[in-house]
Amino acid sequence: MKHGAERSHRSPLKQAPEAYDCIIVGGGPAGLSAALILGRCRRRVLLCDAGRQRNRWSSAMHGVLSRDGMAPADFIREARAELSRYDGVELRDVVVSDVEPVAPDFRAVLKDGAVAESRTLLLATGVVDTLPDIEGVEPLYGRSVHHCPICDGWEHRDQPVAVYGSPAEAKGLALAMTLWTGDVVLCTNGAAGWDDDARGELARAGVRVREDRVRCLEGTEGRLKRILFHDGEPLERTAMFFAGEQSQGCDLPDRLGCVFTEKGAVDTGRAERTQIEGLFVAGDASKDAQLVIVAAAEGAQAAVAINTLLVKRDHEAREQEREVPGTSERPGGA
């Protein structure tokens, strides 16, 4: 598994396992937010970042109060700078090769050979979008080809927009896009196979349908100009939204035994807990509302729960030690 870059802002960890209160895997909004809260709780935190945030292809992120329109790279840089004020938070750009439970803790093996142990583990590894298999899509992704209309629909309001995907998946997306523009063409890349009711629903919403097979996308400087088909005339469009699949950002949740939902997200409970003691999953990897501000909130929520869990463990350990004869003087004892 690859989950990170082989560079570091700090000297390599010692070969003997370092002990932390929490290891966070993933340095996007969820992981950074969790590290901030835990740092303020004076916890010792190791945050391992792969540098593969889902929105790194985008020119701007949206829907984040006070940061609407900010470049994702600038957001990450400012968040890291804030974390540098907390001496308990250690940030490393490194691959996490493996994690295993060592009850009641976790042991992480980093790609540089270092080993770290932690009382809790937070996975904020996100998801990976599967881009449409269309020539020319990659240079346009994140600028005029998008997967989320809530994130990027406003920037293409009242413009000619295409929706691409299989008939079953893209129909709902095409109907949703009519909130942002009245000029929507749904490209199904082949015969749709809809009945008259489905076609009528799209027609009443003003959505046109193009069933020709797509050959390629044309654009310049990240801006879509037109869609070319194997048959028929080109389609002039300024943006395309696609309905596609996504997968977990790494296989750590699966290898640790997490339970998944039908949609492939990690099934978490209250405060991003999993069914595994001490293991939390936050951000896009665990929820349907995949927005930067939601991921950051989930990271903070998980951090509060992690700190609460550690406070409880420490209290229980002190009480158990107090009850062992000879370890401390009992109240009222001689």
Protein backbone atom coordinates (compact mmCIF):
# COMPACT_ATOMS: atom_id res chain seq x y z
CA MET A 1 0.00 0.00 0.00
CA LYS A 2 1.14 3.52 -0.74
CA HIS A 3 -0.11 6.28 1.48
CA GLY A 4 2.23 9.19 1.40
CA ALA A 5 5.38 10.84 0.18
CA GLU A 6 8.94 10.01 1.15
CA ARG A 7 9.94 13.34 2.57
CA SER A 8 9.96 14.76 6.06
CA HIS A 9 10.13 18.12 7.77
CA ARG A 10 11.63 16.43 10.83
CA SER A 11 14.40 13.99 11.55
CA PRO A 12 13.48 10.29 11.19
CA LEU A 13 11.81 8.58 14.12
CA LYS A 14 13.93 6.31 16.24
CA GLN A 15 13.78 2.60 15.41
CA ALA A 16 12.45 1.83 18.89
CA PRO A 17 8.69 2.48 18.92
CA GLU A 18 7.73 6.01 19.90
CA ALA A 19 4.63 6.25 22.10
CA TYR A 20 1.77 8.64 21.27
CA ASP A 21 -1.70 9.32 22.55
CA CYS A 22 -3.03 9.26 18.99
CA ILE A 23 -1.71 8.49 15.54
CA ILE A 24 -3.63 10.23 12.77
CA VAL A 25 -3.30 8.82 9.27
CA GLY A 26 -4.22 11.44 6.68
CA GLY A 27 -3.49 15.16 6.64
CA GLY A 28 -6.59 16.58 4.99
CA PRO A 29 -9.28 18.67 6.73
CA ALA A 30 -10.39 15.84 9.04
CA GLY A 31 -6.90 14.85 10.15
CA LEU A 32 -5.66 18.41 10.58
CA SER A 33 -8.73 19.42 12.56
CA ALA A 34 -8.36 16.42 14.86
CA ALA A 35 -4.68 17.18 15.41
CA LEU A 36 -5.52 20.77 16.36
CA ILE A 37 -8.07 19.75 19.00
CA LEU A 38 -5.84 17.04 20.45
CA GLY A 39 -2.87 19.39 20.48
CA ARG A 40 -4.89 21.87 22.49
CA CYS A 41 -5.71 19.03 24.91
CA ARG A 42 -1.94 18.58 25.41
CA ARG A 43 -2.00 15.18 23.80
CA ARG A 44 1.01 13.74 22.03
CA VAL A 45 -0.01 13.27 18.42
CA LEU A 46 1.70 11.88 15.33
CA LEU A 47 0.03 13.00 12.11
CA CYS A 48 1.21 11.11 9.01
CA ASP A 49 0.27 12.79 5.75
CA ALA A 50 0.37 11.23 2.29
CA GLY A 51 -0.16 14.54 0.52
CA ARG A 52 -2.93 12.99 -1.57
CA GLN A 53 -5.94 15.00 -0.50
CA ARG A 54 -8.99 14.37 -2.65
CA ASN A 55 -9.40 18.02 -3.63
CA ARG A 56 -5.75 18.63 -4.53
CA TRP A 57 -6.75 18.82 -8.21
CA SER A 58 -9.18 21.67 -7.57
CA SER A 59 -8.26 25.30 -8.04
CA ALA A 60 -10.50 26.32 -5.14
CA MET A 61 -12.57 24.82 -2.36
CA HIS A 62 -16.03 26.09 -1.52
CA GLY A 63 -18.63 26.06 1.22
CA VAL A 64 -16.11 26.70 4.00
CA LEU A 65 -16.96 29.74 6.13
CA SER A 66 -14.22 32.40 5.92
CA ARG A 67 -12.32 30.23 3.41
CA ASP A 68 -14.76 30.06 0.49
CA GLY A 69 -12.79 30.07 -2.76
CA MET A 70 -9.45 29.37 -1.08
CA ALA A 71 -6.99 27.12 -2.90
CA PRO A 72 -6.77 23.69 -1.20
CA ALA A 73 -2.98 23.91 -1.07
CA ASP A 74 -3.19 27.26 0.76
CA PHE A 75 -5.68 25.80 3.22
CA ILE A 76 -3.35 22.90 4.01
CA ARG A 77 -0.35 25.19 4.39
CA GLU A 78 -2.15 27.54 6.79
CA ALA A 79 -3.54 24.64 8.83
CA ARG A 80 -0.08 23.13 9.17
CA ALA A 81 1.31 26.47 10.29
CA GLU A 82 -1.33 26.62 13.02
CA LEU A 83 -0.39 23.13 14.22
CA SER A 84 3.26 24.14 14.55
CA ARG A 85 2.33 26.17 17.65
CA TYR A 86 1.49 22.98 19.56
CA ASP A 87 4.60 21.12 20.71
CA GLY A 88 2.67 17.91 21.26
CA VAL A 89 1.77 17.57 17.58
CA GLU A 90 4.32 15.96 15.28
CA LEU A 91 3.66 16.19 11.55
CA ARG A 92 5.41 13.85 9.16
CA ASP A 93 5.06 13.46 5.39
CA VAL A 94 5.45 9.72 5.28
CA VAL A 95 3.70 6.57 4.10
CA VAL A 96 1.97 4.45 6.72
CA SER A 97 2.71 0.97 5.44
CA ASP A 98 0.83 -1.00 8.05
CA VAL A 99 -1.09 -0.70 11.31
CA GLU A 100 -1.89 -3.53 13.69
CA PRO A 101 -3.79 -3.62 16.96
CA VAL A 102 -1.58 -4.46 19.95
CA ALA A 103 -4.22 -4.43 22.65
CA PRO A 104 -5.05 -1.98 23.99
CA ASP A 105 -2.86 0.08 21.64
CA PHE A 106 -1.92 0.28 17.96
CA ARG A 107 1.45 -0.13 16.26
CA ALA A 108 2.11 1.70 12.98
CA VAL A 109 4.91 0.82 10.60
CA LEU A 110 6.05 3.75 8.47
CA LYS A 111 7.54 3.38 5.03
CA ASP A 112 10.89 4.73 6.20
CA GLY A 113 11.15 1.75 8.56
CA ALA A 114 10.21 3.59 11.73
CA VAL A 115 7.68 2.13 14.14
CA ALA A 116 5.30 4.13 16.32
CA GLU A 117 2.84 3.02 18.97
CA SER A 118 -0.29 4.83 20.04
CA ARG A 119 -3.11 4.48 22.50
CA THR A 120 -5.67 5.42 19.82
CA LEU A 121 -5.81 5.60 16.04
CA LEU A 122 -7.70 7.97 13.76
CA LEU A 123 -7.96 7.17 10.05
CA ALA A 124 -8.68 10.26 7.95
CA THR A 125 -7.54 8.76 4.68
CA GLY A 126 -10.44 9.92 2.52
CA VAL A 127 -11.61 8.46 -0.76
CA VAL A 128 -10.39 8.31 -4.36
CA ASP A 129 -12.67 9.24 -7.25
CA THR A 130 -12.67 7.07 -10.36
CA LEU A 131 -12.48 9.47 -13.31
CA PRO A 132 -14.46 8.75 -16.48
CA ASP A 133 -12.47 6.78 -19.02
CA ILE A 134 -12.48 9.59 -21.55
CA GLU A 135 -9.53 11.03 -23.43
CA GLY A 136 -8.74 14.55 -22.24
CA VAL A 137 -10.49 14.38 -18.86
CA GLU A 138 -7.45 14.59 -16.58
CA PRO A 139 -6.22 18.08 -17.56
CA LEU A 140 -9.73 19.41 -16.95
CA TYR A 141 -10.49 17.64 -13.66
CA GLY A 142 -10.92 20.02 -10.76
CA ARG A 143 -11.32 23.09 -12.97
CA SER A 144 -14.18 22.39 -15.36
CA VAL A 145 -14.82 18.69 -14.83
CA HIS A 146 -16.23 17.93 -11.39
CA HIS A 147 -17.99 15.25 -9.38
CA CYS A 148 -19.82 17.46 -6.83
CA PRO A 149 -22.31 20.16 -7.88
CA ILE A 150 -22.67 21.41 -4.30
CA CYS A 151 -18.93 22.08 -4.29
CA ASP A 152 -18.57 23.53 -7.79
CA GLY A 153 -21.99 24.12 -9.33
CA TRP A 154 -22.13 27.81 -8.40
CA GLU A 155 -19.08 28.62 -10.51
CA HIS A 156 -20.89 27.25 -13.59
CA ARG A 157 -24.33 28.70 -12.91
CA ASP A 158 -26.37 29.64 -16.00
CA GLN A 159 -23.73 28.08 -18.26
CA PRO A 160 -24.01 25.17 -20.73
CA VAL A 161 -23.20 22.09 -18.65
CA ALA A 162 -22.92 18.40 -19.46
CA VAL A 163 -23.59 15.52 -17.09
CA TYR A 164 -21.81 12.24 -17.80
CA GLY A 165 -22.35 8.76 -16.45
CA SER A 166 -24.28 5.54 -16.74
CA PRO A 167 -28.03 6.04 -17.23
CA ALA A 168 -28.87 4.73 -13.75
CA GLU A 169 -26.36 6.96 -11.93
CA ALA A 170 -26.37 10.12 -14.01
CA LYS A 171 -30.12 10.71 -14.28
CA GLY A 172 -30.41 12.00 -10.72
CA LEU A 173 -27.31 14.15 -11.09
CA ALA A 174 -28.68 15.71 -14.28
CA LEU A 175 -31.95 16.59 -12.57
CA ALA A 176 -30.04 18.10 -9.64
CA MET A 177 -27.92 20.25 -11.98
CA THR A 178 -31.03 22.13 -13.11
CA LEU A 179 -30.77 24.03 -9.81
CA TRP A 180 -27.68 25.77 -11.17
CA THR A 181 -28.41 26.04 -14.88
CA GLY A 182 -31.24 25.57 -17.34
CA ASP A 183 -28.87 24.26 -20.04
CA VAL A 184 -28.08 20.66 -19.08
CA VAL A 185 -27.25 17.86 -21.52
CA LEU A 186 -27.02 14.33 -20.13
CA CYS A 187 -24.44 12.21 -21.97
CA THR A 188 -25.02 8.52 -21.35
CA ASN A 189 -22.18 7.21 -23.56
CA GLY A 190 -24.52 4.71 -25.21
CA ALA A 191 -28.17 3.70 -25.31
CA ALA A 192 -29.89 4.75 -22.10
CA GLY A 193 -32.62 2.13 -22.12
CA TRP A 194 -35.08 4.32 -20.24
CA ASP A 195 -38.82 3.94 -20.45
CA ASP A 196 -41.12 6.78 -21.50
CA ASP A 197 -41.67 7.88 -17.89
CA ALA A 198 -37.95 8.42 -17.27
CA ARG A 199 -37.49 10.29 -20.52
CA GLY A 200 -40.54 12.39 -19.76
CA GLU A 201 -39.21 13.31 -16.33
CA LEU A 202 -35.95 14.56 -17.85
CA ALA A 203 -37.76 16.43 -20.61
CA ARG A 204 -40.06 18.21 -18.18
CA ALA A 205 -37.00 19.35 -16.22
CA GLY A 206 -35.48 20.72 -19.42
CA VAL A 207 -32.67 18.14 -19.55
CA ARG A 208 -31.65 17.07 -23.04
CA VAL A 209 -30.17 13.60 -23.59
CA ARG A 210 -27.26 12.64 -25.85
CA GLU A 211 -26.79 8.86 -26.22
CA ASP A 212 -23.88 8.88 -28.69
CA ARG A 213 -20.65 7.38 -27.47
CA VAL A 214 -18.18 10.00 -26.21
CA ARG A 215 -14.80 10.12 -27.96
CA CYS A 216 -12.92 12.83 -26.06
CA LEU A 217 -13.04 16.18 -24.29
CA GLU A 218 -11.43 19.30 -25.70
CA GLY A 219 -10.35 22.31 -23.68
CA THR A 220 -7.54 24.71 -22.93
CA GLU A 221 -5.90 25.73 -19.65
CA GLY A 222 -8.24 23.53 -17.67
CA ARG A 223 -11.38 24.90 -19.28
CA LEU A 224 -13.70 22.57 -21.17
CA LYS A 225 -14.68 23.78 -24.64
CA ARG A 226 -16.51 20.89 -26.26
CA ILE A 227 -17.32 17.20 -26.11
CA LEU A 228 -16.58 15.12 -29.20
CA PHE A 229 -18.51 11.97 -30.04
CA HIS A 230 -17.79 9.01 -32.28
CA ASP A 231 -20.89 9.95 -34.25
CA GLY A 232 -22.72 13.25 -34.51
CA GLU A 233 -21.86 16.87 -33.98
CA PRO A 234 -19.60 18.13 -31.17
CA LEU A 235 -21.31 19.53 -28.10
CA GLU A 236 -20.17 22.93 -26.88
CA ARG A 237 -20.00 22.94 -23.05
CA THR A 238 -18.15 24.94 -20.42
CA ALA A 239 -18.28 22.29 -17.68
CA MET A 240 -19.04 18.62 -17.11
CA PHE A 241 -20.17 16.90 -13.93
CA PHE A 242 -19.84 13.13 -13.73
CA ALA A 243 -21.49 10.42 -11.70
CA GLY A 244 -18.84 7.82 -10.95
CA GLU A 245 -17.50 5.41 -8.41
CA GLN A 246 -15.17 6.09 -5.51
CA SER A 247 -13.05 3.88 -3.31
CA GLN A 248 -11.30 4.12 0.04
CA GLY A 249 -8.11 6.18 0.03
CA CYS A 250 -6.17 3.22 1.42
CA ASP A 251 -6.85 -0.32 2.58
CA LEU A 252 -6.09 0.23 6.26
CA PRO A 253 -9.79 0.26 7.30
CA ASP A 254 -10.32 -3.08 5.59
CA ARG A 255 -7.16 -4.64 7.00
CA LEU A 256 -8.09 -3.52 10.51
CA GLY A 257 -11.49 -5.18 10.19
CA CYS A 258 -13.77 -2.16 9.89
CA VAL A 259 -17.40 -2.65 8.87
CA PHE A 260 -18.49 -0.91 5.66
CA THR A 261 -21.81 0.45 4.47
CA GLU A 262 -23.47 -0.60 1.22
CA LYS A 263 -21.89 2.45 -0.43
CA GLY A 264 -18.40 1.43 0.64
CA ALA A 265 -17.94 3.98 3.43
CA VAL A 266 -16.64 2.93 6.83
CA ASP A 267 -19.61 2.39 9.12
CA THR A 268 -19.00 4.66 12.09
CA GLY A 269 -21.16 5.40 15.06
CA ARG A 270 -21.34 8.31 17.45
CA ALA A 271 -18.32 10.64 17.27
CA GLU A 272 -16.77 8.67 14.40
CA ARG A 273 -16.17 5.55 16.49
CA THR A 274 -15.78 2.17 14.81
CA GLN A 275 -16.60 -1.19 16.36
CA ILE A 276 -12.89 -1.57 17.19
CA GLU A 277 -11.90 -0.10 20.55
CA GLY A 278 -9.74 2.98 20.14
CA LEU A 279 -10.14 3.18 16.35
CA PHE A 280 -11.89 6.18 14.81
CA VAL A 281 -12.55 7.07 11.16
CA ALA A 282 -13.43 10.62 10.09
CA GLY A 283 -13.93 12.55 6.87
CA ASP A 284 -14.95 11.38 3.41
CA ALA A 285 -13.96 7.78 4.22
CA SER A 286 -16.93 7.44 6.56
CA LYS A 287 -19.76 9.72 5.46
CA ASP A 288 -22.02 10.64 2.54
CA ALA A 289 -21.82 14.42 3.07
CA GLN A 290 -18.38 14.81 1.54
CA LEU A 291 -17.55 18.45 2.08
CA VAL A 292 -14.40 20.08 3.47
CA ILE A 293 -16.26 21.75 6.30
CA VAL A 294 -18.03 18.50 7.23
CA ALA A 295 -14.74 16.57 7.22
CA ALA A 296 -13.14 19.17 9.49
CA ALA A 297 -16.10 18.98 11.87
CA GLU A 298 -15.92 15.20 11.97
CA GLY A 299 -12.21 15.37 12.74
CA ALA A 300 -12.89 17.72 15.64
CA GLN A 301 -15.70 15.51 16.89
CA ALA A 302 -13.48 12.44 16.76
CA ALA A 303 -10.72 14.29 18.61
CA VAL A 304 -13.06 15.23 21.44
CA ALA A 305 -14.17 11.60 21.72
CA ILE A 306 -10.54 10.41 21.67
CA ASN A 307 -9.58 12.80 24.44
CA THR A 308 -12.60 11.75 26.49
CA LEU A 309 -11.66 8.09 26.03
CA LEU A 310 -8.09 8.75 27.16
CA VAL A 311 -9.24 10.73 30.20
CA LYS A 312 -11.46 7.81 31.17
CA ARG A 313 -8.67 5.28 30.71
CA ASP A 314 -6.24 7.35 32.77
CA HIS A 315 -8.79 7.77 35.56
CA GLU A 316 -9.53 4.03 35.63
CA ALA A 317 -5.83 3.21 35.70
CA ARG A 318 -5.26 5.53 38.67
CA GLU A 319 -8.19 4.00 40.54
CA GLN A 320 -6.96 0.48 39.88
CA GLU A 321 -3.48 1.39 41.06
CA ARG A 322 -4.93 2.96 44.18
CA GLU A 323 -6.76 -0.26 45.03
CA VAL A 324 -3.69 -2.47 44.76
CA PRO A 325 -2.21 -3.04 48.26
CA GLY A 326 1.14 -1.37 48.75
CA THR A 327 0.91 0.92 45.74
CA SER A 328 -0.55 3.88 47.59
CA GLU A 329 -1.89 4.79 50.99
CA ARG A 330 -5.62 4.33 51.40
CA PRO A 331 -7.61 7.20 52.90
CA GLY A 332 -7.79 6.77 56.70
CA GLY A 333 -5.06 4.17 56.71
CA ALA A 334 -2.36 4.03 59.33
